[in-house]
Amino acid sequence: MPSVADLVEPTALEALAAPATLRLGREIAAQGGVEMVEFGPLKVRARVGKVPSSETRRTTELRVEGKELGWSCTCTSKPDNFCKHCAALAIVTWEKAPKRR
């Protein structure tokens, strides 16, 4: 079973997020806007935002669902929207995860 980090590696992330969404996610991550609440191989949850590029803090979750990535964010009611908060959490998850050899 893959981990969340496996499912958000940079190439996979580019397929999940629109270019503008990915750019905003990178800005949020670079500004320190991801506060981890839970960090495990199958689920990560964080408060994302409260930085210049995203002033409102949102609760965001990435999780393994079978062999695929599932996500949710309090910024939208559209469950299929991989938003800038999800992108920021994915970037930080990939950076923090132990790398497999």
N, C-alpha and C. Protein backbone atom coordinates (compact mmCIF):
# COMPACT_ATOMS: atom_id res chain seq x y z
N MET A 1 0.85 -1.18 0.00
CA MET A 1 0.00 0.00 0.00
C MET A 1 0.90 1.25 0.00
N PRO A 2 0.62 2.19 -0.87
CA PRO A 2 1.43 3.41 -0.90
C PRO A 2 1.13 4.29 0.30
N SER A 3 2.07 5.16 0.63
CA SER A 3 1.86 6.16 1.67
C SER A 3 1.34 7.44 1.03
N VAL A 4 0.88 8.36 1.85
CA VAL A 4 0.46 9.67 1.33
C VAL A 4 1.64 10.31 0.60
N ALA A 5 2.82 10.25 1.19
CA ALA A 5 4.00 10.86 0.56
C ALA A 5 4.26 10.27 -0.83
N ASP A 6 4.09 8.95 -0.96
CA ASP A 6 4.27 8.33 -2.28
C ASP A 6 3.31 8.92 -3.31
N LEU A 7 2.09 9.21 -2.86
CA LEU A 7 1.04 9.68 -3.77
C LEU A 7 1.12 11.18 -4.08
N VAL A 8 1.99 11.90 -3.36
CA VAL A 8 2.13 13.34 -3.63
C VAL A 8 3.54 13.70 -4.08
N GLU A 9 4.29 12.70 -4.53
CA GLU A 9 5.63 13.03 -5.03
C GLU A 9 5.48 14.05 -6.16
N PRO A 10 6.52 14.82 -6.45
CA PRO A 10 6.39 15.97 -7.36
C PRO A 10 5.70 15.70 -8.69
N THR A 11 5.97 14.60 -9.35
CA THR A 11 5.33 14.32 -10.64
C THR A 11 3.84 14.08 -10.46
N ALA A 12 3.48 13.33 -9.42
CA ALA A 12 2.06 13.07 -9.15
C ALA A 12 1.34 14.35 -8.78
N LEU A 13 2.01 15.21 -8.02
CA LEU A 13 1.40 16.47 -7.60
C LEU A 13 1.10 17.36 -8.79
N GLU A 14 1.97 17.37 -9.77
CA GLU A 14 1.73 18.18 -10.97
C GLU A 14 0.50 17.70 -11.73
N ALA A 15 0.19 16.40 -11.63
CA ALA A 15 -1.01 15.87 -12.29
C ALA A 15 -2.27 16.18 -11.50
N LEU A 16 -2.15 16.35 -10.18
CA LEU A 16 -3.30 16.61 -9.31
C LEU A 16 -3.74 18.07 -9.33
N ALA A 17 -2.78 18.97 -9.35
CA ALA A 17 -3.07 20.39 -9.16
C ALA A 17 -2.88 21.18 -10.46
N ALA A 18 -3.79 22.11 -10.69
CA ALA A 18 -3.63 23.03 -11.81
C ALA A 18 -2.38 23.88 -11.58
N PRO A 19 -1.73 24.35 -12.62
CA PRO A 19 -0.50 25.14 -12.45
C PRO A 19 -0.64 26.32 -11.48
N ALA A 20 -1.71 27.08 -11.58
CA ALA A 20 -1.90 28.23 -10.68
C ALA A 20 -2.10 27.76 -9.24
N THR A 21 -2.82 26.67 -9.05
CA THR A 21 -3.04 26.11 -7.72
C THR A 21 -1.73 25.64 -7.12
N LEU A 22 -0.92 24.98 -7.92
CA LEU A 22 0.38 24.50 -7.46
C LEU A 22 1.30 25.67 -7.09
N ARG A 23 1.28 26.73 -7.88
CA ARG A 23 2.09 27.91 -7.57
C ARG A 23 1.67 28.51 -6.23
N LEU A 24 0.37 28.65 -5.99
CA LEU A 24 -0.11 29.19 -4.72
C LEU A 24 0.22 28.26 -3.56
N GLY A 25 0.11 26.96 -3.78
CA GLY A 25 0.49 25.99 -2.75
C GLY A 25 1.95 26.10 -2.38
N ARG A 26 2.81 26.29 -3.38
CA ARG A 26 4.25 26.47 -3.11
C ARG A 26 4.49 27.74 -2.29
N GLU A 27 3.76 28.80 -2.61
CA GLU A 27 3.91 30.05 -1.85
C GLU A 27 3.51 29.85 -0.39
N ILE A 28 2.39 29.20 -0.16
CA ILE A 28 1.93 28.96 1.22
C ILE A 28 2.96 28.12 1.97
N ALA A 29 3.45 27.06 1.34
CA ALA A 29 4.44 26.19 1.98
C ALA A 29 5.73 26.97 2.29
N ALA A 30 6.19 27.77 1.33
CA ALA A 30 7.43 28.53 1.52
C ALA A 30 7.30 29.58 2.62
N GLN A 31 6.09 30.09 2.84
CA GLN A 31 5.85 31.10 3.87
C GLN A 31 5.60 30.48 5.24
N GLY A 32 5.72 29.15 5.35
CA GLY A 32 5.51 28.49 6.63
C GLY A 32 4.06 28.35 7.02
N GLY A 33 3.17 28.29 6.04
CA GLY A 33 1.75 28.28 6.31
C GLY A 33 1.12 26.91 6.53
N VAL A 34 1.94 25.89 6.80
CA VAL A 34 1.39 24.55 7.04
C VAL A 34 1.77 24.13 8.45
N GLU A 35 0.76 24.00 9.30
CA GLU A 35 0.95 23.56 10.69
C GLU A 35 0.39 22.14 10.81
N MET A 36 1.28 21.16 10.89
CA MET A 36 0.87 19.76 10.95
C MET A 36 0.12 19.48 12.25
N VAL A 37 -0.98 18.76 12.13
CA VAL A 37 -1.76 18.31 13.27
C VAL A 37 -1.57 16.80 13.45
N GLU A 38 -1.54 16.09 12.32
CA GLU A 38 -1.36 14.64 12.32
C GLU A 38 -0.48 14.29 11.13
N PHE A 39 0.53 13.45 11.37
CA PHE A 39 1.46 13.10 10.30
C PHE A 39 1.74 11.60 10.37
N GLY A 40 1.05 10.86 9.53
CA GLY A 40 1.24 9.41 9.49
C GLY A 40 1.38 8.95 8.06
N PRO A 41 1.72 7.70 7.85
CA PRO A 41 1.91 7.22 6.49
C PRO A 41 0.62 7.18 5.67
N LEU A 42 -0.53 7.00 6.34
CA LEU A 42 -1.78 6.87 5.61
C LEU A 42 -2.68 8.09 5.69
N LYS A 43 -2.36 9.02 6.59
CA LYS A 43 -3.17 10.24 6.70
C LYS A 43 -2.32 11.37 7.28
N VAL A 44 -2.44 12.54 6.66
CA VAL A 44 -1.83 13.76 7.20
C VAL A 44 -2.93 14.81 7.28
N ARG A 45 -2.88 15.58 8.34
CA ARG A 45 -3.87 16.64 8.54
C ARG A 45 -3.13 17.86 9.04
N ALA A 46 -3.57 19.03 8.59
CA ALA A 46 -2.89 20.26 8.97
C ALA A 46 -3.84 21.44 8.95
N ARG A 47 -3.42 22.49 9.63
CA ARG A 47 -4.06 23.79 9.49
C ARG A 47 -3.18 24.55 8.50
N VAL A 48 -3.79 25.03 7.44
CA VAL A 48 -3.03 25.62 6.33
C VAL A 48 -3.51 27.04 6.10
N GLY A 49 -2.58 27.98 6.05
CA GLY A 49 -2.91 29.37 5.78
C GLY A 49 -2.32 30.30 6.84
N LYS A 50 -2.97 31.45 7.04
CA LYS A 50 -2.51 32.51 7.94
C LYS A 50 -1.15 33.05 7.52
N VAL A 51 -0.97 33.19 6.21
CA VAL A 51 0.24 33.77 5.62
C VAL A 51 -0.21 34.75 4.54
N PRO A 52 0.67 35.61 4.05
CA PRO A 52 0.25 36.61 3.06
C PRO A 52 -0.49 36.05 1.84
N SER A 53 -0.09 34.89 1.33
CA SER A 53 -0.75 34.37 0.14
C SER A 53 -2.02 33.58 0.44
N SER A 54 -2.34 33.40 1.72
CA SER A 54 -3.58 32.70 2.12
C SER A 54 -3.90 33.12 3.54
N GLU A 55 -4.64 34.22 3.68
CA GLU A 55 -4.85 34.82 4.99
C GLU A 55 -5.75 34.01 5.91
N THR A 56 -6.65 33.21 5.36
CA THR A 56 -7.56 32.42 6.18
C THR A 56 -6.97 31.03 6.38
N ARG A 57 -7.00 30.55 7.61
CA ARG A 57 -6.49 29.21 7.91
C ARG A 57 -7.59 28.18 7.68
N ARG A 58 -7.24 27.10 7.00
CA ARG A 58 -8.18 26.03 6.67
C ARG A 58 -7.67 24.70 7.23
N THR A 59 -8.59 23.80 7.52
CA THR A 59 -8.22 22.45 7.93
C THR A 59 -8.20 21.59 6.67
N THR A 60 -7.07 20.93 6.46
CA THR A 60 -6.84 20.19 5.22
C THR A 60 -6.34 18.79 5.56
N GLU A 61 -6.79 17.81 4.79
CA GLU A 61 -6.39 16.43 5.04
C GLU A 61 -6.08 15.73 3.73
N LEU A 62 -5.02 14.94 3.75
CA LEU A 62 -4.67 14.04 2.65
C LEU A 62 -4.64 12.64 3.22
N ARG A 63 -5.20 11.66 2.50
CA ARG A 63 -5.25 10.30 3.03
C ARG A 63 -5.17 9.29 1.88
N VAL A 64 -4.74 8.10 2.24
CA VAL A 64 -4.71 6.99 1.29
C VAL A 64 -6.08 6.34 1.28
N GLU A 65 -6.64 6.18 0.10
CA GLU A 65 -7.92 5.49 -0.08
C GLU A 65 -7.67 4.36 -1.08
N GLY A 66 -7.43 3.18 -0.56
CA GLY A 66 -7.04 2.05 -1.42
C GLY A 66 -5.63 2.29 -1.91
N LYS A 67 -5.49 2.53 -3.20
CA LYS A 67 -4.18 2.85 -3.78
C LYS A 67 -4.13 4.28 -4.31
N GLU A 68 -5.16 5.06 -3.96
CA GLU A 68 -5.25 6.43 -4.48
C GLU A 68 -5.25 7.45 -3.35
N LEU A 69 -5.07 8.70 -3.73
CA LEU A 69 -5.07 9.80 -2.78
C LEU A 69 -6.47 10.36 -2.62
N GLY A 70 -6.89 10.54 -1.39
CA GLY A 70 -8.13 11.24 -1.08
C GLY A 70 -7.77 12.52 -0.36
N TRP A 71 -8.64 13.52 -0.42
CA TRP A 71 -8.35 14.79 0.23
C TRP A 71 -9.63 15.49 0.62
N SER A 72 -9.46 16.44 1.55
CA SER A 72 -10.57 17.33 1.91
C SER A 72 -9.96 18.62 2.44
N CYS A 73 -10.72 19.70 2.28
CA CYS A 73 -10.30 21.01 2.78
C CYS A 73 -11.56 21.80 3.11
N THR A 74 -11.49 22.56 4.18
CA THR A 74 -12.65 23.35 4.59
C THR A 74 -12.83 24.61 3.74
N CYS A 75 -12.01 24.83 2.73
CA CYS A 75 -12.19 26.01 1.88
C CYS A 75 -13.26 25.82 0.83
N THR A 76 -13.70 24.58 0.61
CA THR A 76 -14.64 24.33 -0.48
C THR A 76 -15.60 23.21 -0.13
N SER A 77 -16.74 23.24 -0.73
CA SER A 77 -17.69 22.14 -0.58
C SER A 77 -17.60 21.18 -1.76
N LYS A 78 -16.68 21.44 -2.67
CA LYS A 78 -16.51 20.58 -3.84
C LYS A 78 -15.43 19.54 -3.53
N PRO A 79 -15.82 18.30 -3.27
CA PRO A 79 -14.86 17.29 -2.84
C PRO A 79 -13.80 16.94 -3.87
N ASP A 80 -14.02 17.23 -5.15
CA ASP A 80 -13.02 16.90 -6.15
C ASP A 80 -12.03 18.03 -6.41
N ASN A 81 -12.16 19.14 -5.68
CA ASN A 81 -11.28 20.30 -5.88
C ASN A 81 -9.99 20.14 -5.07
N PHE A 82 -8.88 19.89 -5.77
CA PHE A 82 -7.56 19.83 -5.13
C PHE A 82 -7.05 21.27 -5.08
N CYS A 83 -7.29 21.94 -3.95
CA CYS A 83 -7.07 23.39 -3.81
C CYS A 83 -5.62 23.72 -3.43
N LYS A 84 -5.35 25.01 -3.31
CA LYS A 84 -4.01 25.48 -2.94
C LYS A 84 -3.61 25.00 -1.55
N HIS A 85 -4.58 24.81 -0.66
CA HIS A 85 -4.27 24.32 0.69
C HIS A 85 -3.84 22.85 0.63
N CYS A 86 -4.52 22.06 -0.20
CA CYS A 86 -4.12 20.67 -0.40
C CYS A 86 -2.73 20.61 -1.03
N ALA A 87 -2.49 21.47 -2.00
CA ALA A 87 -1.17 21.49 -2.65
C ALA A 87 -0.08 21.84 -1.65
N ALA A 88 -0.32 22.84 -0.80
CA ALA A 88 0.68 23.22 0.21
C ALA A 88 0.95 22.06 1.16
N LEU A 89 -0.11 21.39 1.62
CA LEU A 89 0.07 20.25 2.52
C LEU A 89 0.81 19.12 1.81
N ALA A 90 0.52 18.87 0.55
CA ALA A 90 1.22 17.83 -0.20
C ALA A 90 2.71 18.14 -0.31
N ILE A 91 3.05 19.39 -0.58
CA ILE A 91 4.46 19.79 -0.70
C ILE A 91 5.20 19.55 0.61
N VAL A 92 4.62 19.98 1.71
CA VAL A 92 5.27 19.82 3.02
C VAL A 92 5.33 18.35 3.41
N THR A 93 4.30 17.59 3.09
CA THR A 93 4.31 16.15 3.37
C THR A 93 5.47 15.47 2.64
N TRP A 94 5.64 15.78 1.37
CA TRP A 94 6.73 15.19 0.59
C TRP A 94 8.08 15.59 1.18
N GLU A 95 8.21 16.84 1.58
CA GLU A 95 9.49 17.32 2.13
C GLU A 95 9.80 16.66 3.47
N LYS A 96 8.81 16.41 4.32
CA LYS A 96 9.02 15.86 5.66
C LYS A 96 9.12 14.34 5.70
N ALA A 97 8.58 13.67 4.71
CA ALA A 97 8.51 12.21 4.72
C ALA A 97 9.89 11.59 4.55
N PRO A 98 10.13 10.50 5.27
CA PRO A 98 11.39 9.77 5.04
C PRO A 98 11.40 9.23 3.61
N LYS A 99 12.52 9.33 2.97
CA LYS A 99 12.63 8.89 1.59
C LYS A 99 12.99 7.40 1.54
N ARG A 100 12.28 6.70 0.69
CA ARG A 100 12.58 5.26 0.50
C ARG A 100 13.75 5.12 -0.45
N ARG A 101 14.52 4.11 -0.24
CA ARG A 101 15.69 3.89 -1.11
C ARG A 101 15.48 2.70 -1.98
